[in-house]
């Protein structure tokens, strides 16, 4: 079953590489070749390894790679306020 785990982990990482940010529902519908539980466990494993990050959005979760989260946070820290006259 370890191969199935690696396949599910790889599927999650591949989708994040392609789309950068995903909602959990999009991951599940985008990978019908895996069960909900396989994808949920893959997300759990990857987040515990700090390879992906989860953000709660309403009743769902947004997934992003930890590198994307760092880039996103850095961009917001350096934003200058824009004033319109």
C-alpha atoms as a PDB file:
ATOM      1  CA  UNK A   1       0.000   0.000   0.000  1.00  0.00           C
ATOM      2  CA  UNK A   2       3.017   2.283   0.341  1.00  0.00           C
ATOM      3  CA  UNK A   3       3.027   2.667  -3.440  1.00  0.00           C
ATOM      4  CA  UNK A   4      -0.571   3.904  -3.328  1.00  0.00           C
ATOM      5  CA  UNK A   5       0.419   6.454  -0.680  1.00  0.00           C
ATOM      6  CA  UNK A   6       3.317   7.698  -2.801  1.00  0.00           C
ATOM      7  CA  UNK A   7       1.034   7.899  -5.848  1.00  0.00           C
ATOM      8  CA  UNK A   8      -1.549   9.958  -3.944  1.00  0.00           C
ATOM      9  CA  UNK A   9       1.156  12.226  -2.509  1.00  0.00           C
ATOM     10  CA  UNK A  10       2.590  12.746  -5.982  1.00  0.00           C
ATOM     11  CA  UNK A  11      -0.868  13.458  -7.404  1.00  0.00           C
ATOM     12  CA  UNK A  12      -1.444  16.209  -4.821  1.00  0.00           C
ATOM     13  CA  UNK A  13       1.973  17.765  -5.422  1.00  0.00           C
ATOM     14  CA  UNK A  14       1.520  17.607  -9.207  1.00  0.00           C
ATOM     15  CA  UNK A  15      -1.836  19.387  -9.016  1.00  0.00           C
ATOM     16  CA  UNK A  16      -0.344  22.064  -6.770  1.00  0.00           C
ATOM     17  CA  UNK A  17       2.543  22.511  -9.158  1.00  0.00           C
ATOM     18  CA  UNK A  18       0.082  22.940 -12.018  1.00  0.00           C
ATOM     19  CA  UNK A  19      -2.461  25.215 -10.295  1.00  0.00           C
ATOM     20  CA  UNK A  20      -0.370  26.718  -7.431  1.00  0.00           C
ATOM     21  CA  UNK A  21      -3.412  27.004  -5.142  1.00  0.00           C
ATOM     22  CA  UNK A  22      -6.295  24.535  -4.829  1.00  0.00           C
ATOM     23  CA  UNK A  23      -9.410  24.143  -2.800  1.00  0.00           C
ATOM     24  CA  UNK A  24      -9.792  20.667  -1.311  1.00  0.00           C
ATOM     25  CA  UNK A  25     -12.938  20.112  -3.409  1.00  0.00           C
ATOM     26  CA  UNK A  26     -11.011  20.916  -6.603  1.00  0.00           C
ATOM     27  CA  UNK A  27      -8.371  18.357  -5.691  1.00  0.00           C
ATOM     28  CA  UNK A  28     -11.000  15.682  -5.079  1.00  0.00           C
ATOM     29  CA  UNK A  29     -12.916  16.361  -8.300  1.00  0.00           C
ATOM     30  CA  UNK A  30      -9.703  16.798 -10.287  1.00  0.00           C
ATOM     31  CA  UNK A  31      -8.347  13.383  -9.270  1.00  0.00           C
ATOM     32  CA  UNK A  32     -11.271  10.926  -9.540  1.00  0.00           C
ATOM     33  CA  UNK A  33      -8.724   8.097  -9.817  1.00  0.00           C
ATOM     34  CA  UNK A  34      -8.157   8.437  -6.032  1.00  0.00           C
ATOM     35  CA  UNK A  35     -10.722   8.116  -3.272  1.00  0.00           C
ATOM     36  CA  UNK A  36     -11.539  11.014  -0.970  1.00  0.00           C
ATOM     37  CA  UNK A  37      -9.783   9.234   1.884  1.00  0.00           C
ATOM     38  CA  UNK A  38      -6.607   8.602  -0.162  1.00  0.00           C
ATOM     39  CA  UNK A  39      -6.364  12.298  -1.031  1.00  0.00           C
ATOM     40  CA  UNK A  40      -7.200  13.410   2.502  1.00  0.00           C
ATOM     41  CA  UNK A  41      -4.449  11.178   3.913  1.00  0.00           C
ATOM     42  CA  UNK A  42      -1.993  12.444   1.275  1.00  0.00           C
ATOM     43  CA  UNK A  43      -2.787  16.042   2.247  1.00  0.00           C
ATOM     44  CA  UNK A  44      -2.300  15.124   5.906  1.00  0.00           C
ATOM     45  CA  UNK A  45       1.089  13.454   5.224  1.00  0.00           C
ATOM     46  CA  UNK A  46       2.318  16.310   3.034  1.00  0.00           C
ATOM     47  CA  UNK A  47       1.258  18.999   5.493  1.00  0.00           C
ATOM     48  CA  UNK A  48       2.985  17.166   8.374  1.00  0.00           C
ATOM     49  CA  UNK A  49       6.165  17.122   6.253  1.00  0.00           C
ATOM     50  CA  UNK A  50       5.686  20.880   5.647  1.00  0.00           C
ATOM     51  CA  UNK A  51       5.540  20.330   1.887  1.00  0.00           C
ATOM     52  CA  UNK A  52       2.095  21.924   1.645  1.00  0.00           C
ATOM     53  CA  UNK A  53       0.140  24.381   3.740  1.00  0.00           C
ATOM     54  CA  UNK A  54      -3.559  24.439   4.525  1.00  0.00           C
ATOM     55  CA  UNK A  55      -5.710  27.493   5.076  1.00  0.00           C
ATOM     56  CA  UNK A  56      -9.265  27.302   6.250  1.00  0.00           C
ATOM     57  CA  UNK A  57     -11.603  29.244   3.988  1.00  0.00           C
ATOM     58  CA  UNK A  58     -15.175  29.118   5.261  1.00  0.00           C
ATOM     59  CA  UNK A  59     -16.102  25.451   5.537  1.00  0.00           C
ATOM     60  CA  UNK A  60     -13.343  24.253   3.213  1.00  0.00           C
ATOM     61  CA  UNK A  61      -9.563  24.232   2.991  1.00  0.00           C
ATOM     62  CA  UNK A  62      -7.190  25.838   0.538  1.00  0.00           C
ATOM     63  CA  UNK A  63      -3.994  23.944  -0.294  1.00  0.00           C
ATOM     64  CA  UNK A  64      -0.763  25.554  -1.422  1.00  0.00           C
ATOM     65  CA  UNK A  65       2.847  24.522  -1.534  1.00  0.00           C
ATOM     66  CA  UNK A  66       4.926  25.871   1.326  1.00  0.00           C
ATOM     67  CA  UNK A  67       7.126  27.681  -1.212  1.00  0.00           C
ATOM     68  CA  UNK A  68       4.062  29.439  -2.649  1.00  0.00           C
ATOM     69  CA  UNK A  69       2.936  30.458   0.839  1.00  0.00           C
ATOM     70  CA  UNK A  70       6.351  31.978   1.547  1.00  0.00           C
ATOM     71  CA  UNK A  71       6.347  33.896  -1.755  1.00  0.00           C
ATOM     72  CA  UNK A  72       2.776  35.096  -1.134  1.00  0.00           C
ATOM     73  CA  UNK A  73       3.585  36.251   2.411  1.00  0.00           C
ATOM     74  CA  UNK A  74       6.776  38.008   1.309  1.00  0.00           C
ATOM     75  CA  UNK A  75       4.921  39.885  -1.435  1.00  0.00           C
ATOM     76  CA  UNK A  76       2.328  41.163   1.047  1.00  0.00           C
ATOM     77  CA  UNK A  77       4.986  42.291   3.513  1.00  0.00           C
ATOM     78  CA  UNK A  78       6.594  44.499   0.867  1.00  0.00           C
ATOM     79  CA  UNK A  79       3.451  46.002  -0.598  1.00  0.00           C
ATOM     80  CA  UNK A  80       3.237  49.755  -0.508  1.00  0.00           C
ATOM     81  CA  UNK A  81      -0.156  51.362   0.082  1.00  0.00           C
ATOM     82  CA  UNK A  82      -1.549  53.046  -2.988  1.00  0.00           C
ATOM     83  CA  UNK A  83      -3.219  56.394  -2.560  1.00  0.00           C
ATOM     84  CA  UNK A  84      -5.440  57.855  -5.253  1.00  0.00           C
ATOM     85  CA  UNK A  85      -5.749  61.630  -5.334  1.00  0.00           C
END
